[in-house]
Amino acid sequence: MTIWEIISLLGGVGLFLYGMTVMSTGLKNAAGDSLHTILEKVTTNRVLAVLIGIVVTMLVQSSSATDMMVIGFVNSGLMNLAQAIGVIMGANIGTTITAQITAFNLTAFAPFLIFAGAIMYLFLKKPVPRHIGAILLGFGMLFVGIGLIKSAIAPLSESEGFIRVLSMLSNPALAILFGILFTALLQSSSSSVVIFQAFAVEGLLTYEQCVYLVIGAAIGSVMPNLLASLTTDRNGKRTALLNLYFNVFRAVLLLIVITIFPIVLDWIKLLSPNDVARQVANTHTIFAIVAVIALLPCSKLIIKLTYLTLPLLPEEQRKKEDRRLIYLAGTKNMVPAVAVHQAKLEVNRMGAIARDNLTRAVEYFFYPERDELFDRVEETEQTVDWLDHAISDQLVTLRSLQLPERDVFLLSRLIRVTSNYERISDHAENIIEFAKRLKTAKVSISEAGLDELRQMSVGVLQCLDVSMDIFESESFKRLKEAEDLEQSVDDMQDQFIQNHINRLMTSGCDPLAGVIFTDMCTDLERCSDQALNVAHALLHESRD
């Protein structure tokens, strides 16, 4: 093989990979945000999740891209592992479409596709036609790359040394290992399978060798996800492990099947006689479909193995417990009146979580060296947001039932109270950000200012405690106490800001610390406003 042929081979591979990237980007841009929306709507229906995984991967022409989106959703809490595994399995089927497409010999049409795509991409202004142009451009480059690869490797069929090296792949174990390493290097099973097709067409690989290379390629395709998961939390890492375990089990299953029933490969070859490229593509697709059908019923066991490998930490267990509905679970089977009572208990639970979050935020503000409090507040804020949406959805559903007037009134106020609690948790997050800014800038609030903020924080928490007690007991005997506490916080805000201005005028306060002091007073005062809304919720219209 000459130097020019080596350069041509590398150029063909590079052009093919770049064409795949351009086409994938064009497809994703043409689809817009719909891909993320589709994935966000995945339910616990595993079959539906598989179908969505197939569709999304066919659109982006990359199982790695789909899997990375799934890792991102799991990492952010928008999807759980039970939902993720279905999408991952579907992605393994969707990615086989590339090999099916490239099995057609469209190299002769590639220049036209590149020309048409370039005209659309370069000269059209509207986004959708430009994205379609990018798809055609990438599609054309993909086939030109395949053509270069085939031309470059044709002389290798006469090289005894190269044939001797490839003959080593007749050993199934070596072929699988090569498939894993080669795909991990390319970071795309679609790309590696297409290259295997090209070698098979030129007679450098037999169909049987390609079968084991395809099995190895499925495992190697997980490498981009494993690398991406290094920057995620433990749930993101579990998602990557989930993908790895599925593909390892898939490889073991397929090896068992073709070892016990070698006639299966003969059946696949009969689907497209004398067309080894199509035979390899069909093997890739059929193996993926069979693996999903066989392993989908075992998905819970794969998830369990993932948790055994990377167990839940105590804080993860707490988050898992918090981010679920306890009292409103299974409302469809409840008597409406009971469901309304359960809804109030769920809102009370959310309030306790928000109250604890505010307490931790205030503690972090005065003790910023406790970094674990910062992380805990951020995590709990996400939990409160989740509860706000989940409880509100259930309350809206309950309002559609035939309920007594008092229950309808109660439900409408519960929706407002969940909003109040969510805002209190938002203010808690603001408070830790104030502390973080002070810590980063290495400035501090004066001792006089800190004393005032401590006094104000105590008043806010007292007001919140009294207000929550009024709401939970539906007894308004302490309403005057809550109102007095809220007014006291308002008075403190006015007085303390005036004190701050005086200190600022006498250069007794750092300017940045002064801004944060004022913002802190404002957030604390708003927390007391939200608390009083809770106290008034079941009495009359709450304040805005």
Protein backbone atom coordinates (compact mmCIF):
# COMPACT_ATOMS: atom_id res chain seq x y z
CA MET A 1 0.00 0.00 0.00
CA THR A 2 1.49 3.32 -1.07
CA ILE A 3 1.69 6.49 0.99
CA TRP A 4 -0.91 8.07 -1.27
CA GLU A 5 -3.32 5.18 -0.69
CA ILE A 6 -2.86 5.50 3.09
CA ILE A 7 -3.55 9.24 2.88
CA SER A 8 -6.57 8.55 0.69
CA LEU A 9 -7.89 6.00 3.21
CA LEU A 10 -7.45 8.41 6.12
CA GLY A 11 -9.00 11.22 4.10
CA GLY A 12 -11.97 9.01 3.25
CA VAL A 13 -12.50 8.12 6.90
CA GLY A 14 -12.19 11.78 7.88
CA LEU A 15 -14.62 12.91 5.19
CA PHE A 16 -17.07 10.17 6.16
CA LEU A 17 -16.94 11.14 9.85
CA TYR A 18 -17.28 14.85 9.03
CA GLY A 19 -20.18 14.11 6.69
CA MET A 20 -21.88 12.19 9.52
CA THR A 21 -21.36 15.17 11.83
CA VAL A 22 -22.70 17.71 9.31
CA MET A 23 -25.73 15.53 8.52
CA SER A 24 -26.43 14.90 12.22
CA THR A 25 -26.18 18.62 13.02
CA GLY A 26 -28.50 19.49 10.13
CA LEU A 27 -31.05 16.93 11.28
CA LYS A 28 -30.94 18.19 14.87
CA ASN A 29 -31.28 21.82 13.78
CA ALA A 30 -34.16 20.96 11.44
CA ALA A 31 -35.94 19.19 14.26
CA GLY A 32 -35.32 22.16 16.57
CA ASP A 33 -36.26 21.75 20.22
CA SER A 34 -38.71 18.99 19.40
CA LEU A 35 -36.11 16.29 20.14
CA HIS A 36 -35.71 17.50 23.72
CA THR A 37 -39.47 17.86 24.04
CA ILE A 38 -40.01 14.31 22.79
CA LEU A 39 -37.53 12.92 25.29
CA GLU A 40 -39.00 14.97 28.15
CA LYS A 41 -42.41 13.38 27.47
CA VAL A 42 -41.09 9.84 27.88
CA THR A 43 -43.27 7.95 30.32
CA THR A 44 -42.73 4.79 32.33
CA ASN A 45 -44.18 2.87 29.38
CA ARG A 46 -41.06 0.99 28.31
CA VAL A 47 -42.31 0.15 24.81
CA LEU A 48 -43.10 3.82 24.13
CA ALA A 49 -39.66 4.78 25.45
CA VAL A 50 -38.03 2.31 23.03
CA LEU A 51 -40.01 3.74 20.10
CA ILE A 52 -39.02 7.29 21.07
CA GLY A 53 -35.38 6.20 21.28
CA ILE A 54 -35.61 4.74 17.77
CA VAL A 55 -37.25 7.85 16.29
CA VAL A 56 -34.90 10.36 17.93
CA THR A 57 -31.80 8.37 16.93
CA MET A 58 -33.02 8.02 13.34
CA LEU A 59 -33.42 11.80 13.27
CA VAL A 60 -29.98 12.63 14.66
CA GLN A 61 -28.23 9.58 13.11
CA SER A 62 -26.26 9.03 16.31
CA SER A 63 -27.05 6.79 19.25
CA SER A 64 -24.30 8.56 21.21
CA ALA A 65 -26.09 11.90 20.76
CA THR A 66 -29.36 10.39 21.98
CA ASP A 67 -27.66 8.69 24.91
CA MET A 68 -25.93 11.93 25.91
CA MET A 69 -29.27 13.75 25.88
CA VAL A 70 -30.67 11.01 28.09
CA ILE A 71 -27.70 11.31 30.47
CA GLY A 72 -28.38 15.05 30.66
CA PHE A 73 -32.08 14.51 31.44
CA VAL A 74 -31.34 11.92 34.13
CA ASN A 75 -28.62 14.13 35.56
CA SER A 76 -31.08 17.05 35.83
CA GLY A 77 -33.86 14.90 37.31
CA LEU A 78 -36.20 15.17 34.30
CA MET A 79 -35.97 11.43 33.65
CA ASN A 80 -35.34 8.38 35.82
CA LEU A 81 -33.38 5.23 35.00
CA ALA A 82 -36.55 3.24 34.30
CA GLN A 83 -37.42 5.73 31.56
CA ALA A 84 -33.83 6.06 30.35
CA ILE A 85 -33.22 2.38 29.70
CA GLY A 86 -36.08 2.18 27.17
CA VAL A 87 -34.72 5.15 25.22
CA ILE A 88 -31.20 3.69 25.31
CA MET A 89 -32.47 0.38 23.94
CA GLY A 90 -34.37 2.18 21.19
CA ALA A 91 -31.26 4.19 20.30
CA ASN A 92 -29.40 0.93 19.68
CA ILE A 93 -31.98 0.08 17.02
CA GLY A 94 -32.18 3.57 15.52
CA THR A 95 -28.42 3.77 14.99
CA THR A 96 -28.53 0.75 12.62
CA ILE A 97 -30.32 2.85 10.00
CA THR A 98 -27.01 4.42 8.94
CA ALA A 99 -25.63 1.06 7.83
CA GLN A 100 -28.89 0.33 5.98
CA ILE A 101 -28.58 3.61 4.08
CA THR A 102 -24.90 3.18 3.23
CA ALA A 103 -25.57 -0.35 1.97
CA PHE A 104 -27.05 1.38 -1.09
CA ASN A 105 -24.37 2.28 -3.59
CA LEU A 106 -25.12 5.99 -3.95
CA THR A 107 -21.54 7.14 -4.51
CA ALA A 108 -22.36 8.18 -8.08
CA PHE A 109 -25.03 10.59 -6.80
CA ALA A 110 -22.80 12.07 -4.07
CA PRO A 111 -21.47 15.03 -6.14
CA PHE A 112 -25.01 16.11 -6.96
CA LEU A 113 -26.02 15.86 -3.29
CA ILE A 114 -23.00 17.96 -2.28
CA PHE A 115 -23.75 20.58 -4.94
CA ALA A 116 -27.46 20.83 -4.07
CA GLY A 117 -26.70 20.89 -0.34
CA ALA A 118 -24.02 23.57 -0.72
CA ILE A 119 -26.35 25.82 -2.78
CA MET A 120 -29.13 25.51 -0.20
CA TYR A 121 -26.82 25.98 2.78
CA LEU A 122 -24.80 28.89 1.41
CA PHE A 123 -27.39 30.93 -0.49
CA LEU A 124 -30.76 30.34 1.17
CA LYS A 125 -31.60 32.55 4.12
CA LYS A 126 -34.48 30.71 5.76
CA PRO A 127 -33.37 28.34 8.55
CA VAL A 128 -35.27 25.20 7.51
CA PRO A 129 -34.01 25.09 3.87
CA ARG A 130 -30.47 25.79 5.14
CA HIS A 131 -30.73 22.89 7.59
CA ILE A 132 -31.99 20.62 4.80
CA GLY A 133 -29.03 21.79 2.72
CA ALA A 134 -26.69 20.78 5.56
CA ILE A 135 -28.32 17.34 5.65
CA LEU A 136 -27.80 16.85 1.91
CA LEU A 137 -24.24 18.20 2.15
CA GLY A 138 -23.37 15.79 4.95
CA PHE A 139 -25.10 12.94 3.14
CA GLY A 140 -23.05 13.59 0.01
CA MET A 141 -19.76 13.87 1.91
CA LEU A 142 -20.58 10.63 3.68
CA PHE A 143 -20.82 8.74 0.37
CA VAL A 144 -17.76 10.44 -1.11
CA GLY A 145 -15.87 9.35 1.99
CA ILE A 146 -17.09 5.76 1.53
CA GLY A 147 -15.96 5.91 -2.10
CA LEU A 148 -12.48 7.06 -1.08
CA ILE A 149 -12.27 4.30 1.54
CA LYS A 150 -13.23 1.63 -1.00
CA SER A 151 -10.73 2.94 -3.56
CA ALA A 152 -7.92 3.10 -1.01
CA ILE A 153 -8.45 -0.38 0.39
CA ALA A 154 -8.91 -2.11 -2.99
CA PRO A 155 -5.13 -2.72 -3.40
CA LEU A 156 -5.02 -4.25 0.08
CA SER A 157 -6.86 -7.29 -1.27
CA GLU A 158 -3.58 -8.20 -2.98
CA SER A 159 -1.38 -7.55 0.09
CA GLU A 160 -0.47 -10.84 1.77
CA GLY A 161 0.68 -9.08 4.95
CA PHE A 162 -2.57 -7.16 5.39
CA ILE A 163 -4.66 -10.25 4.63
CA ARG A 164 -2.63 -12.16 7.21
CA VAL A 165 -3.38 -9.49 9.83
CA LEU A 166 -7.10 -9.52 9.04
CA SER A 167 -7.15 -13.30 9.15
CA MET A 168 -6.51 -12.98 12.88
CA LEU A 169 -10.04 -11.59 13.12
CA SER A 170 -11.32 -15.04 12.27
CA ASN A 171 -10.92 -15.62 16.00
CA PRO A 172 -14.29 -14.42 17.42
CA ALA A 173 -12.74 -13.10 20.64
CA LEU A 174 -10.13 -11.04 18.74
CA ALA A 175 -12.79 -9.79 16.32
CA ILE A 176 -15.02 -8.63 19.19
CA LEU A 177 -12.08 -6.96 20.94
CA PHE A 178 -11.07 -5.20 17.71
CA GLY A 179 -14.67 -4.05 17.20
CA ILE A 180 -14.73 -2.61 20.73
CA LEU A 181 -11.41 -0.77 20.39
CA PHE A 182 -12.03 0.47 16.84
CA THR A 183 -15.48 1.82 17.72
CA ALA A 184 -14.22 3.38 20.95
CA LEU A 185 -11.59 5.18 18.85
CA LEU A 186 -14.12 6.43 16.28
CA GLN A 187 -16.74 7.00 19.04
CA SER A 188 -19.48 5.86 16.67
CA SER A 189 -20.81 2.35 16.05
CA SER A 190 -22.49 3.59 12.86
CA SER A 191 -19.14 4.72 11.46
CA SER A 192 -17.28 1.54 12.37
CA VAL A 193 -19.99 -0.73 10.93
CA VAL A 194 -19.95 1.24 7.66
CA ILE A 195 -16.17 0.82 7.46
CA PHE A 196 -16.55 -2.92 8.13
CA GLN A 197 -19.06 -2.99 5.29
CA ALA A 198 -16.52 -1.36 2.96
CA PHE A 199 -13.85 -3.93 3.89
CA ALA A 200 -16.33 -6.77 3.34
CA VAL A 201 -17.33 -5.42 -0.09
CA GLU A 202 -13.66 -5.42 -1.13
CA GLY A 203 -13.31 -9.03 0.09
CA LEU A 204 -10.94 -8.16 2.93
CA LEU A 205 -13.39 -9.32 5.61
CA THR A 206 -15.79 -12.23 5.51
CA TYR A 207 -19.39 -11.88 6.57
CA GLU A 208 -18.74 -14.07 9.62
CA GLN A 209 -15.87 -11.81 10.73
CA CYS A 210 -18.13 -8.77 10.35
CA VAL A 211 -20.73 -10.42 12.60
CA TYR A 212 -18.32 -10.47 15.54
CA LEU A 213 -16.99 -7.01 14.72
CA VAL A 214 -20.57 -5.69 14.83
CA ILE A 215 -21.11 -7.32 18.24
CA GLY A 216 -17.96 -5.64 19.54
CA ALA A 217 -18.89 -2.30 17.98
CA ALA A 218 -22.05 -2.13 20.12
CA ILE A 219 -19.95 -2.28 23.29
CA GLY A 220 -17.38 0.19 21.97
CA SER A 221 -20.13 2.70 21.15
CA VAL A 222 -20.63 3.28 24.88
CA MET A 223 -17.23 4.98 25.25
CA PRO A 224 -18.48 8.56 24.48
CA ASN A 225 -21.20 8.17 27.11
CA LEU A 226 -18.77 6.87 29.72
CA LEU A 227 -16.51 9.86 29.06
CA ALA A 228 -19.44 12.32 29.15
CA SER A 229 -20.66 10.86 32.46
CA LEU A 230 -17.40 11.80 34.19
CA THR A 231 -18.70 15.37 34.55
CA THR A 232 -22.18 14.37 35.77
CA ASP A 233 -23.56 13.40 39.15
CA ARG A 234 -24.05 9.77 40.20
CA ASN A 235 -27.33 9.45 38.30
CA GLY A 236 -25.59 10.50 35.10
CA LYS A 237 -22.89 7.91 35.74
CA ARG A 238 -25.56 5.27 36.38
CA THR A 239 -27.13 6.07 33.01
CA ALA A 240 -23.81 5.45 31.24
CA LEU A 241 -23.40 2.19 33.20
CA LEU A 242 -26.93 1.23 32.20
CA ASN A 243 -25.94 1.61 28.55
CA LEU A 244 -22.73 -0.38 29.09
CA TYR A 245 -24.50 -3.25 30.87
CA PHE A 246 -27.21 -3.46 28.22
CA ASN A 247 -24.66 -3.72 25.43
CA VAL A 248 -22.53 -6.26 27.31
CA PHE A 249 -25.61 -8.44 27.97
CA ARG A 250 -26.62 -7.93 24.37
CA ALA A 251 -23.21 -9.21 23.18
CA VAL A 252 -23.38 -12.25 25.46
CA LEU A 253 -26.93 -13.04 24.34
CA LEU A 254 -26.07 -12.80 20.64
CA LEU A 255 -22.94 -14.92 21.05
CA ILE A 256 -25.00 -17.62 22.73
CA VAL A 257 -27.64 -17.51 19.98
CA ILE A 258 -25.25 -17.71 17.03
CA THR A 259 -23.15 -20.38 18.77
CA ILE A 260 -26.13 -22.65 19.50
CA PHE A 261 -28.02 -21.77 16.31
CA PRO A 262 -25.43 -20.87 13.62
CA ILE A 263 -28.17 -21.32 11.03
CA VAL A 264 -29.42 -17.88 12.09
CA LEU A 265 -26.56 -16.29 10.17
CA ASP A 266 -27.48 -18.32 7.07
CA TRP A 267 -31.05 -17.01 7.32
CA ILE A 268 -29.80 -13.42 7.52
CA LYS A 269 -27.58 -13.94 4.45
CA LEU A 270 -30.56 -15.34 2.53
CA LEU A 271 -32.38 -12.00 2.99
CA SER A 272 -29.92 -10.37 0.54
CA PRO A 273 -27.88 -12.99 -1.35
CA ASN A 274 -24.66 -11.82 -3.01
CA ASP A 275 -24.83 -8.40 -1.25
CA VAL A 276 -22.45 -8.56 1.69
CA ALA A 277 -22.92 -4.85 2.54
CA ARG A 278 -26.65 -5.39 2.95
CA GLN A 279 -26.01 -8.60 4.89
CA VAL A 280 -23.84 -6.72 7.40
CA ALA A 281 -26.45 -3.95 7.67
CA ASN A 282 -29.25 -6.49 8.20
CA THR A 283 -27.19 -8.27 10.86
CA HIS A 284 -26.64 -4.95 12.65
CA THR A 285 -30.37 -4.17 12.63
CA ILE A 286 -31.69 -7.68 13.42
CA PHE A 287 -29.22 -8.16 16.28
CA ALA A 288 -30.32 -4.83 17.81
CA ILE A 289 -34.03 -5.67 17.53
CA VAL A 290 -33.59 -9.19 18.95
CA ALA A 291 -31.52 -7.86 21.85
CA VAL A 292 -34.13 -5.24 22.76
CA ILE A 293 -37.01 -7.74 22.57
CA ALA A 294 -35.10 -10.21 24.75
CA LEU A 295 -33.71 -7.75 27.32
CA LEU A 296 -36.56 -5.23 27.67
CA PRO A 297 -38.46 -7.51 30.10
CA CYS A 298 -35.24 -7.71 32.16
CA SER A 299 -34.74 -3.93 32.31
CA LYS A 300 -35.51 -3.76 36.04
CA LEU A 301 -32.76 -6.28 36.74
CA ILE A 302 -30.29 -4.22 34.70
CA ILE A 303 -31.29 -1.11 36.67
CA LYS A 304 -30.86 -3.05 39.92
CA LEU A 305 -27.35 -4.12 38.84
CA THR A 306 -26.56 -0.47 38.10
CA TYR A 307 -27.57 0.52 41.63
CA LEU A 308 -25.54 -2.37 43.06
CA THR A 309 -22.51 -1.06 41.18
CA LEU A 310 -23.10 2.55 42.19
CA PRO A 311 -25.28 2.47 45.35
CA LEU A 312 -27.43 5.36 46.51
CA LEU A 313 -25.68 7.67 48.94
CA PRO A 314 -27.66 8.79 52.03
CA GLU A 315 -28.29 12.23 50.49
CA GLU A 316 -29.47 10.60 47.24
CA GLN A 317 -31.86 8.41 49.19
CA ARG A 318 -33.21 11.50 50.94
CA LYS A 319 -33.68 13.28 47.61
CA LYS A 320 -35.42 10.23 46.19
CA GLU A 321 -37.79 10.16 49.16
CA ASP A 322 -38.49 13.89 48.95
CA ARG A 323 -39.14 13.97 45.20
CA ARG A 324 -42.25 11.85 45.24
CA LEU A 325 -45.83 12.34 46.28
CA ILE A 326 -46.60 10.54 49.52
CA TYR A 327 -50.16 11.59 50.33
CA LEU A 328 -51.36 12.18 46.76
CA ALA A 329 -50.10 8.88 45.33
CA GLY A 330 -52.98 6.95 43.75
CA THR A 331 -55.62 9.69 43.98
CA LYS A 332 -57.67 7.97 41.24
CA ASN A 333 -58.71 5.32 43.75
CA MET A 334 -59.51 7.79 46.54
CA VAL A 335 -62.84 9.20 47.57
CA PRO A 336 -62.74 12.90 46.49
CA ALA A 337 -63.15 14.19 50.03
CA VAL A 338 -60.28 12.02 51.23
CA ALA A 339 -58.14 13.14 48.28
CA VAL A 340 -58.67 16.79 49.26
CA HIS A 341 -57.55 16.04 52.82
CA GLN A 342 -54.50 14.19 51.47
CA ALA A 343 -53.71 17.17 49.25
CA LYS A 344 -53.51 19.43 52.29
CA LEU A 345 -51.15 16.99 53.99
CA GLU A 346 -48.95 16.99 50.88
CA VAL A 347 -48.84 20.80 50.85
CA ASN A 348 -47.94 20.79 54.56
CA ARG A 349 -45.08 18.41 53.79
CA MET A 350 -43.85 20.71 51.02
CA GLY A 351 -44.02 23.64 53.44
CA ALA A 352 -41.87 21.84 56.01
CA ILE A 353 -39.24 21.14 53.33
CA ALA A 354 -39.26 24.79 52.20
CA ARG A 355 -39.04 25.99 55.80
CA ASP A 356 -36.04 23.76 56.49
CA ASN A 357 -34.42 25.04 53.31
CA LEU A 358 -34.76 28.64 54.43
CA THR A 359 -33.28 27.72 57.82
CA ARG A 360 -30.26 26.09 56.16
CA ALA A 361 -29.81 29.06 53.81
CA VAL A 362 -29.74 31.51 56.72
CA GLU A 363 -27.28 29.27 58.57
CA TYR A 364 -25.01 29.17 55.51
CA PHE A 365 -25.15 32.96 55.20
CA PHE A 366 -23.66 33.34 58.67
CA TYR A 367 -21.35 30.32 58.38
CA PRO A 368 -20.21 30.27 54.70
CA GLU A 369 -17.39 27.83 55.41
CA ARG A 370 -20.01 25.07 55.60
CA ASP A 371 -20.05 24.26 51.88
CA GLU A 372 -22.29 21.23 52.39
CA LEU A 373 -25.13 23.60 53.32
CA PHE A 374 -24.82 25.41 49.98
CA ASP A 375 -25.19 22.15 48.03
CA ARG A 376 -28.05 21.01 50.25
CA VAL A 377 -30.00 24.24 49.72
CA GLU A 378 -29.60 24.06 45.94
CA GLU A 379 -30.67 20.41 45.91
CA THR A 380 -33.70 21.09 48.12
CA GLU A 381 -34.70 24.08 45.97
CA GLN A 382 -34.94 21.70 42.99
CA THR A 383 -36.99 19.33 45.14
CA VAL A 384 -39.40 22.12 46.12
CA ASP A 385 -39.76 23.11 42.45
CA TRP A 386 -40.55 19.48 41.60
CA LEU A 387 -43.13 19.27 44.38
CA ASP A 388 -44.69 22.57 43.29
CA HIS A 389 -45.33 21.22 39.77
CA ALA A 390 -46.35 17.72 40.89
CA ILE A 391 -48.77 18.92 43.60
CA SER A 392 -50.25 21.66 41.40
CA ASP A 393 -50.95 19.12 38.64
CA GLN A 394 -52.76 16.86 41.12
CA LEU A 395 -54.74 19.78 42.56
CA VAL A 396 -55.88 20.86 39.09
CA THR A 397 -57.01 17.28 38.42
CA LEU A 398 -58.95 17.19 41.70
CA ARG A 399 -60.69 20.48 40.89
CA SER A 400 -62.28 18.82 37.85
CA LEU A 401 -64.20 16.45 40.14
CA GLN A 402 -67.65 17.08 41.57
CA LEU A 403 -66.73 18.53 44.96
CA PRO A 404 -68.53 20.50 47.67
CA GLU A 405 -68.01 24.25 47.58
CA ARG A 406 -65.74 24.20 50.63
CA ASP A 407 -63.43 21.61 49.03
CA VAL A 408 -63.26 23.63 45.81
CA PHE A 409 -62.32 26.69 47.89
CA LEU A 410 -59.68 24.67 49.75
CA LEU A 411 -58.12 23.35 46.54
CA SER A 412 -57.87 26.82 45.03
CA ARG A 413 -56.08 28.08 48.14
CA LEU A 414 -53.79 25.05 48.28
CA ILE A 415 -52.54 25.95 44.81
CA ARG A 416 -51.69 29.45 46.08
CA VAL A 417 -49.96 28.08 49.17
CA THR A 418 -47.73 25.77 47.12
CA SER A 419 -46.70 28.85 45.15
CA ASN A 420 -45.90 30.71 48.39
CA TYR A 421 -43.75 27.86 49.65
CA GLU A 422 -41.96 27.63 46.30
CA ARG A 423 -41.14 31.36 46.46
CA ILE A 424 -39.80 31.00 50.00
CA SER A 425 -37.43 28.32 48.74
CA ASP A 426 -36.45 30.62 45.85
CA HIS A 427 -35.49 33.28 48.39
CA ALA A 428 -33.46 30.65 50.27
CA GLU A 429 -31.47 30.06 47.09
CA ASN A 430 -30.95 33.83 46.72
CA ILE A 431 -29.60 33.98 50.26
CA ILE A 432 -26.92 31.35 49.69
CA GLU A 433 -25.92 33.17 46.50
CA PHE A 434 -25.44 36.36 48.55
CA ALA A 435 -23.13 34.46 50.91
CA LYS A 436 -21.25 32.95 47.97
CA ARG A 437 -20.65 36.40 46.45
CA LEU A 438 -19.28 37.70 49.75
CA LYS A 439 -17.04 34.65 50.09
CA THR A 440 -15.74 34.89 46.52
CA ALA A 441 -15.05 38.62 46.78
CA LYS A 442 -13.46 38.10 50.23
CA VAL A 443 -15.46 40.90 51.80
CA SER A 444 -17.68 40.83 54.85
CA ILE A 445 -20.62 42.66 56.30
CA SER A 446 -19.90 44.69 59.43
CA GLU A 447 -20.64 43.11 62.80
CA ALA A 448 -23.47 45.60 63.34
CA GLY A 449 -24.98 44.60 60.00
CA LEU A 450 -24.66 40.89 60.76
CA ASP A 451 -26.37 41.35 64.11
CA GLU A 452 -29.27 43.11 62.40
CA LEU A 453 -29.61 40.36 59.79
CA ARG A 454 -29.58 37.70 62.53
CA GLN A 455 -32.36 39.55 64.32
CA MET A 456 -34.37 39.86 61.13
CA SER A 457 -33.84 36.18 60.23
CA VAL A 458 -35.14 35.05 63.60
CA GLY A 459 -38.25 37.20 63.12
CA VAL A 460 -38.89 35.76 59.63
CA LEU A 461 -38.58 32.14 60.80
CA GLN A 462 -40.88 32.84 63.75
CA CYS A 463 -43.44 34.40 61.42
CA LEU A 464 -43.20 31.39 59.10
CA ASP A 465 -43.61 28.90 61.96
CA VAL A 466 -46.69 30.64 63.30
CA SER A 467 -48.21 31.00 59.82
CA MET A 468 -47.66 27.31 59.02
CA ASP A 469 -49.29 26.34 62.31
CA ILE A 470 -52.33 28.50 61.47
CA PHE A 471 -52.64 26.93 58.02
CA GLU A 472 -52.18 23.34 59.22
CA SER A 473 -54.59 23.64 62.17
CA GLU A 474 -57.06 25.93 60.34
CA SER A 475 -57.30 27.85 63.62
CA PHE A 476 -56.92 31.62 63.36
CA LYS A 477 -56.33 32.33 67.07
CA ARG A 478 -52.68 33.11 66.33
CA LEU A 479 -53.36 35.19 63.22
CA LYS A 480 -52.74 38.45 65.09
CA GLU A 481 -49.39 37.06 66.28
CA ALA A 482 -48.39 36.25 62.68
CA GLU A 483 -49.44 39.71 61.49
CA ASP A 484 -47.46 41.38 64.29
CA LEU A 485 -44.38 39.33 63.45
CA GLU A 486 -44.68 40.23 59.78
CA GLN A 487 -45.06 43.92 60.63
CA SER A 488 -42.06 43.66 62.93
CA VAL A 489 -40.00 42.31 60.01
CA ASP A 490 -41.20 45.19 57.82
CA ASP A 491 -40.18 47.68 60.51
CA MET A 492 -36.78 46.02 60.87
CA GLN A 493 -36.21 46.24 57.13
CA ASP A 494 -36.89 50.00 57.13
CA GLN A 495 -34.78 50.64 60.23
CA PHE A 496 -31.87 48.40 59.23
CA ILE A 497 -31.60 49.82 55.72
CA GLN A 498 -31.50 53.31 57.23
CA ASN A 499 -28.77 52.14 59.62
CA HIS A 500 -26.91 50.70 56.64
CA ILE A 501 -27.09 54.05 54.81
CA ASN A 502 -25.67 55.77 57.87
CA ARG A 503 -22.80 53.28 58.06
CA LEU A 504 -22.15 53.72 54.36
CA MET A 505 -21.99 57.48 54.76
CA THR A 506 -19.36 57.09 57.48
CA SER A 507 -17.36 54.55 55.39
CA GLY A 508 -18.17 51.86 57.92
CA CYS A 509 -19.32 49.37 55.32
CA ASP A 510 -17.84 47.88 52.14
CA PRO A 511 -19.92 48.90 49.05
CA LEU A 512 -20.42 45.31 47.79
CA ALA A 513 -21.26 44.10 51.29
CA GLY A 514 -23.70 47.00 51.54
CA VAL A 515 -25.52 45.98 48.35
CA ILE A 516 -25.80 42.40 49.57
CA PHE A 517 -26.99 43.60 52.98
CA THR A 518 -29.84 45.50 51.31
CA ASP A 519 -30.73 42.56 49.06
CA MET A 520 -30.69 40.22 52.04
CA CYS A 521 -33.10 42.48 53.94
CA THR A 522 -35.40 42.55 50.91
CA ASP A 523 -35.43 38.74 50.51
CA LEU A 524 -36.07 38.18 54.21
CA GLU A 525 -38.95 40.67 54.18
CA ARG A 526 -40.47 38.94 51.15
CA CYS A 527 -40.25 35.60 52.96
CA SER A 528 -42.34 37.06 55.79
CA ASP A 529 -44.86 38.34 53.20
CA GLN A 530 -45.14 34.83 51.73
CA ALA A 531 -45.49 33.41 55.25
CA LEU A 532 -48.40 35.74 56.03
CA ASN A 533 -50.04 34.71 52.75
CA VAL A 534 -49.99 31.15 54.06
CA ALA A 535 -51.58 32.24 57.34
CA HIS A 536 -54.37 34.09 55.49
CA ALA A 537 -54.83 31.42 52.79
CA LEU A 538 -57.90 29.77 54.27
CA LEU A 539 -59.39 33.01 55.57
CA HIS A 540 -59.59 35.43 52.65
CA GLU A 541 -57.78 36.48 49.46
CA SER A 542 -54.00 36.40 50.01
CA ARG A 543 -51.91 39.41 49.18
CA ASP A 544 -49.93 39.48 45.91
